[in-house]
Amino acid sequence: MTITANGREYGTLFNTYGAEHEHVKAIAANHNSKVWTLIEVDGKSFIESGYHYVNRLGYFITEIGFSEKGISQLTVEVNSEEEFMD
């Protein structure tokens, strides 16, 4: 799924099932620092560093991995899913 806002493409959110999920698991097995998980808890969305299974909505894969001393969680505020995803 491609993420867009105001006509600009921002990246890909990988599915939690099927071939895309298998691809994410393969990347996480060797480079977990390059995987980020979009999760939802109590109606709030977060992007957590690493591969997570519980409460997941999708995955991002980055070219450069996160560091243990860097950001490990981001809070996401979206007005509506239609604005966020194509």
N, C-alpha and C. Protein backbone atom coordinates (compact mmCIF):
# COMPACT_ATOMS: atom_id res chain seq x y z
N MET A 1 0.84 -1.15 0.00
CA MET A 1 0.00 0.00 0.00
C MET A 1 0.91 1.24 0.00
N THR A 2 0.64 2.16 -0.89
CA THR A 2 1.43 3.38 -0.99
C THR A 2 0.83 4.46 -0.10
N ILE A 3 1.67 5.14 0.65
CA ILE A 3 1.22 6.23 1.52
C ILE A 3 1.41 7.54 0.79
N THR A 4 0.32 8.31 0.67
CA THR A 4 0.39 9.60 -0.01
C THR A 4 -0.31 10.67 0.83
N ALA A 5 0.10 11.89 0.62
CA ALA A 5 -0.56 13.05 1.24
C ALA A 5 -0.34 14.23 0.31
N ASN A 6 -1.42 14.94 0.03
CA ASN A 6 -1.35 16.10 -0.87
C ASN A 6 -0.70 15.75 -2.21
N GLY A 7 -0.99 14.54 -2.71
CA GLY A 7 -0.47 14.12 -4.00
C GLY A 7 0.98 13.69 -4.00
N ARG A 8 1.61 13.65 -2.85
CA ARG A 8 3.03 13.28 -2.76
C ARG A 8 3.15 11.87 -2.16
N GLU A 9 3.99 11.04 -2.76
CA GLU A 9 4.20 9.68 -2.29
C GLU A 9 5.27 9.65 -1.21
N TYR A 10 4.97 8.99 -0.09
CA TYR A 10 5.89 8.95 1.04
C TYR A 10 6.49 7.59 1.31
N GLY A 11 5.99 6.54 0.73
CA GLY A 11 6.57 5.23 0.97
C GLY A 11 5.55 4.12 0.90
N THR A 12 5.95 2.96 1.38
CA THR A 12 5.12 1.77 1.29
C THR A 12 4.85 1.21 2.67
N LEU A 13 3.61 0.87 2.93
CA LEU A 13 3.22 0.16 4.13
C LEU A 13 2.98 -1.28 3.71
N PHE A 14 3.79 -2.20 4.22
CA PHE A 14 3.68 -3.60 3.85
C PHE A 14 2.59 -4.28 4.67
N ASN A 15 1.87 -5.19 4.04
CA ASN A 15 0.76 -5.92 4.66
C ASN A 15 1.22 -6.85 5.77
N THR A 16 0.28 -7.26 6.60
CA THR A 16 0.54 -8.17 7.72
C THR A 16 0.22 -9.62 7.36
N TYR A 17 0.08 -9.90 6.08
CA TYR A 17 -0.25 -11.25 5.64
C TYR A 17 0.33 -11.47 4.24
N GLY A 18 0.39 -12.70 3.83
CA GLY A 18 0.79 -13.06 2.47
C GLY A 18 2.25 -12.79 2.15
N ALA A 19 2.51 -12.60 0.87
CA ALA A 19 3.87 -12.44 0.37
C ALA A 19 4.58 -11.22 0.97
N GLU A 20 3.84 -10.12 1.14
CA GLU A 20 4.47 -8.93 1.73
C GLU A 20 4.93 -9.21 3.16
N HIS A 21 4.10 -9.90 3.93
CA HIS A 21 4.48 -10.23 5.30
C HIS A 21 5.69 -11.16 5.34
N GLU A 22 5.73 -12.13 4.44
CA GLU A 22 6.88 -13.03 4.36
C GLU A 22 8.15 -12.25 4.02
N HIS A 23 8.04 -11.25 3.14
CA HIS A 23 9.18 -10.40 2.79
C HIS A 23 9.66 -9.63 4.02
N VAL A 24 8.73 -9.06 4.78
CA VAL A 24 9.09 -8.31 5.99
C VAL A 24 9.79 -9.22 6.99
N LYS A 25 9.26 -10.43 7.20
CA LYS A 25 9.88 -11.37 8.15
C LYS A 25 11.29 -11.74 7.73
N ALA A 26 11.50 -11.90 6.42
CA ALA A 26 12.84 -12.23 5.92
C ALA A 26 13.82 -11.08 6.18
N ILE A 27 13.39 -9.86 5.95
CA ILE A 27 14.24 -8.69 6.23
C ILE A 27 14.52 -8.61 7.73
N ALA A 28 13.47 -8.78 8.55
CA ALA A 28 13.63 -8.68 10.00
C ALA A 28 14.57 -9.75 10.55
N ALA A 29 14.59 -10.92 9.95
CA ALA A 29 15.45 -12.00 10.43
C ALA A 29 16.92 -11.63 10.33
N ASN A 30 17.28 -10.83 9.32
CA ASN A 30 18.68 -10.45 9.11
C ASN A 30 18.99 -9.01 9.47
N HIS A 31 17.99 -8.13 9.38
CA HIS A 31 18.19 -6.70 9.59
C HIS A 31 16.99 -6.09 10.31
N ASN A 32 16.72 -6.55 11.54
CA ASN A 32 15.54 -6.08 12.27
C ASN A 32 15.55 -4.57 12.45
N SER A 33 16.73 -3.97 12.46
CA SER A 33 16.81 -2.52 12.66
C SER A 33 16.26 -1.73 11.46
N LYS A 34 16.02 -2.40 10.35
CA LYS A 34 15.47 -1.73 9.17
C LYS A 34 13.95 -1.87 9.08
N VAL A 35 13.35 -2.56 10.05
CA VAL A 35 11.90 -2.78 10.05
C VAL A 35 11.27 -1.92 11.15
N TRP A 36 10.18 -1.25 10.80
CA TRP A 36 9.36 -0.48 11.74
C TRP A 36 7.94 -1.00 11.63
N THR A 37 7.22 -1.09 12.76
CA THR A 37 5.87 -1.64 12.78
C THR A 37 4.87 -0.56 13.15
N LEU A 38 3.84 -0.41 12.32
CA LEU A 38 2.73 0.49 12.63
C LEU A 38 1.77 -0.30 13.50
N ILE A 39 1.54 0.16 14.73
CA ILE A 39 0.65 -0.53 15.65
C ILE A 39 -0.44 0.42 16.13
N GLU A 40 -1.53 -0.17 16.62
CA GLU A 40 -2.61 0.63 17.20
C GLU A 40 -2.93 0.07 18.58
N VAL A 41 -2.94 0.96 19.58
CA VAL A 41 -3.25 0.59 20.95
C VAL A 41 -4.22 1.62 21.51
N ASP A 42 -5.36 1.16 21.97
CA ASP A 42 -6.37 2.05 22.57
C ASP A 42 -6.72 3.22 21.66
N GLY A 43 -6.84 2.95 20.36
CA GLY A 43 -7.25 3.97 19.42
C GLY A 43 -6.15 4.93 18.98
N LYS A 44 -4.93 4.72 19.46
CA LYS A 44 -3.80 5.57 19.07
C LYS A 44 -2.82 4.76 18.24
N SER A 45 -2.27 5.39 17.21
CA SER A 45 -1.32 4.71 16.33
C SER A 45 0.11 5.11 16.67
N PHE A 46 0.98 4.13 16.62
CA PHE A 46 2.40 4.34 16.89
C PHE A 46 3.21 3.61 15.83
N ILE A 47 4.40 4.10 15.56
CA ILE A 47 5.37 3.38 14.75
C ILE A 47 6.49 2.97 15.69
N GLU A 48 6.64 1.66 15.88
CA GLU A 48 7.64 1.10 16.79
C GLU A 48 8.81 0.57 16.00
N SER A 49 10.01 0.74 16.51
CA SER A 49 11.19 0.18 15.85
C SER A 49 11.16 -1.34 15.98
N GLY A 50 11.56 -2.02 14.92
CA GLY A 50 11.63 -3.47 14.93
C GLY A 50 10.35 -4.14 14.47
N TYR A 51 10.42 -5.45 14.37
CA TYR A 51 9.29 -6.28 13.95
C TYR A 51 8.45 -6.63 15.17
N HIS A 52 7.16 -6.32 15.12
CA HIS A 52 6.23 -6.65 16.20
C HIS A 52 5.02 -7.34 15.59
N TYR A 53 4.41 -8.24 16.36
CA TYR A 53 3.27 -9.01 15.85
C TYR A 53 1.94 -8.54 16.45
N VAL A 54 1.92 -8.22 17.72
CA VAL A 54 0.69 -7.85 18.41
C VAL A 54 0.27 -6.43 18.04
N ASN A 55 -1.00 -6.24 17.75
CA ASN A 55 -1.60 -4.94 17.43
C ASN A 55 -1.04 -4.29 16.17
N ARG A 56 -0.46 -5.07 15.30
CA ARG A 56 0.17 -4.51 14.10
C ARG A 56 -0.86 -4.17 13.04
N LEU A 57 -0.59 -3.07 12.32
CA LEU A 57 -1.41 -2.67 11.18
C LEU A 57 -0.63 -2.82 9.88
N GLY A 58 0.68 -2.78 9.96
CA GLY A 58 1.53 -2.89 8.79
C GLY A 58 2.98 -2.63 9.15
N TYR A 59 3.83 -2.71 8.14
CA TYR A 59 5.27 -2.58 8.36
C TYR A 59 5.89 -1.61 7.35
N PHE A 60 6.95 -0.96 7.80
CA PHE A 60 7.79 -0.14 6.93
C PHE A 60 9.18 -0.76 6.93
N ILE A 61 9.87 -0.67 5.80
CA ILE A 61 11.26 -1.10 5.70
C ILE A 61 12.08 0.12 5.28
N THR A 62 13.14 0.41 6.03
CA THR A 62 13.98 1.56 5.74
C THR A 62 15.31 1.13 5.14
N GLU A 63 15.94 2.03 4.43
CA GLU A 63 17.25 1.74 3.85
C GLU A 63 18.34 1.72 4.91
N ILE A 64 18.19 2.57 5.92
CA ILE A 64 19.17 2.66 7.01
C ILE A 64 18.47 2.22 8.29
N GLY A 65 19.11 1.36 9.05
CA GLY A 65 18.51 0.85 10.28
C GLY A 65 18.56 1.85 11.41
N PHE A 66 17.68 1.66 12.38
CA PHE A 66 17.68 2.52 13.56
C PHE A 66 18.81 2.09 14.49
N SER A 67 19.23 3.00 15.36
CA SER A 67 20.26 2.66 16.34
C SER A 67 19.59 2.53 17.71
N GLU A 68 20.21 1.77 18.59
CA GLU A 68 19.67 1.56 19.93
C GLU A 68 19.57 2.87 20.71
N LYS A 69 20.39 3.86 20.37
CA LYS A 69 20.39 5.14 21.09
C LYS A 69 19.45 6.16 20.45
N GLY A 70 18.85 5.82 19.32
CA GLY A 70 18.00 6.74 18.59
C GLY A 70 16.53 6.62 18.96
N ILE A 71 15.68 7.13 18.11
CA ILE A 71 14.23 7.09 18.30
C ILE A 71 13.76 5.64 18.19
N SER A 72 12.89 5.23 19.13
CA SER A 72 12.38 3.86 19.07
C SER A 72 10.87 3.83 18.87
N GLN A 73 10.19 4.99 19.01
CA GLN A 73 8.75 5.03 18.83
C GLN A 73 8.32 6.42 18.36
N LEU A 74 7.38 6.44 17.43
CA LEU A 74 6.80 7.68 16.94
C LEU A 74 5.30 7.60 17.12
N THR A 75 4.67 8.70 17.52
CA THR A 75 3.22 8.75 17.60
C THR A 75 2.69 9.29 16.29
N VAL A 76 1.67 8.65 15.74
CA VAL A 76 1.11 9.03 14.45
C VAL A 76 -0.28 9.60 14.67
N GLU A 77 -0.53 10.78 14.12
CA GLU A 77 -1.86 11.36 14.21
C GLU A 77 -2.39 11.54 12.80
N VAL A 78 -3.50 10.86 12.51
CA VAL A 78 -4.09 10.88 11.17
C VAL A 78 -5.55 11.26 11.32
N ASN A 79 -6.00 12.23 10.52
CA ASN A 79 -7.39 12.64 10.58
C ASN A 79 -8.32 11.56 10.08
N SER A 80 -7.94 10.89 9.00
CA SER A 80 -8.73 9.78 8.48
C SER A 80 -7.83 8.88 7.67
N GLU A 81 -8.20 7.63 7.60
CA GLU A 81 -7.40 6.66 6.84
C GLU A 81 -7.39 7.03 5.36
N GLU A 82 -8.46 7.60 4.85
CA GLU A 82 -8.52 7.96 3.44
C GLU A 82 -7.49 9.04 3.09
N GLU A 83 -7.22 9.95 4.02
CA GLU A 83 -6.22 10.99 3.79
C GLU A 83 -4.82 10.40 3.77
N PHE A 84 -4.61 9.31 4.52
CA PHE A 84 -3.28 8.77 4.76
C PHE A 84 -2.85 7.75 3.71
N MET A 85 -3.78 6.96 3.18
CA MET A 85 -3.40 5.84 2.32
C MET A 85 -4.20 5.82 1.04
N ASP A 86 -3.51 5.39 -0.02
CA ASP A 86 -4.16 5.15 -1.31
C ASP A 86 -4.51 3.69 -1.41
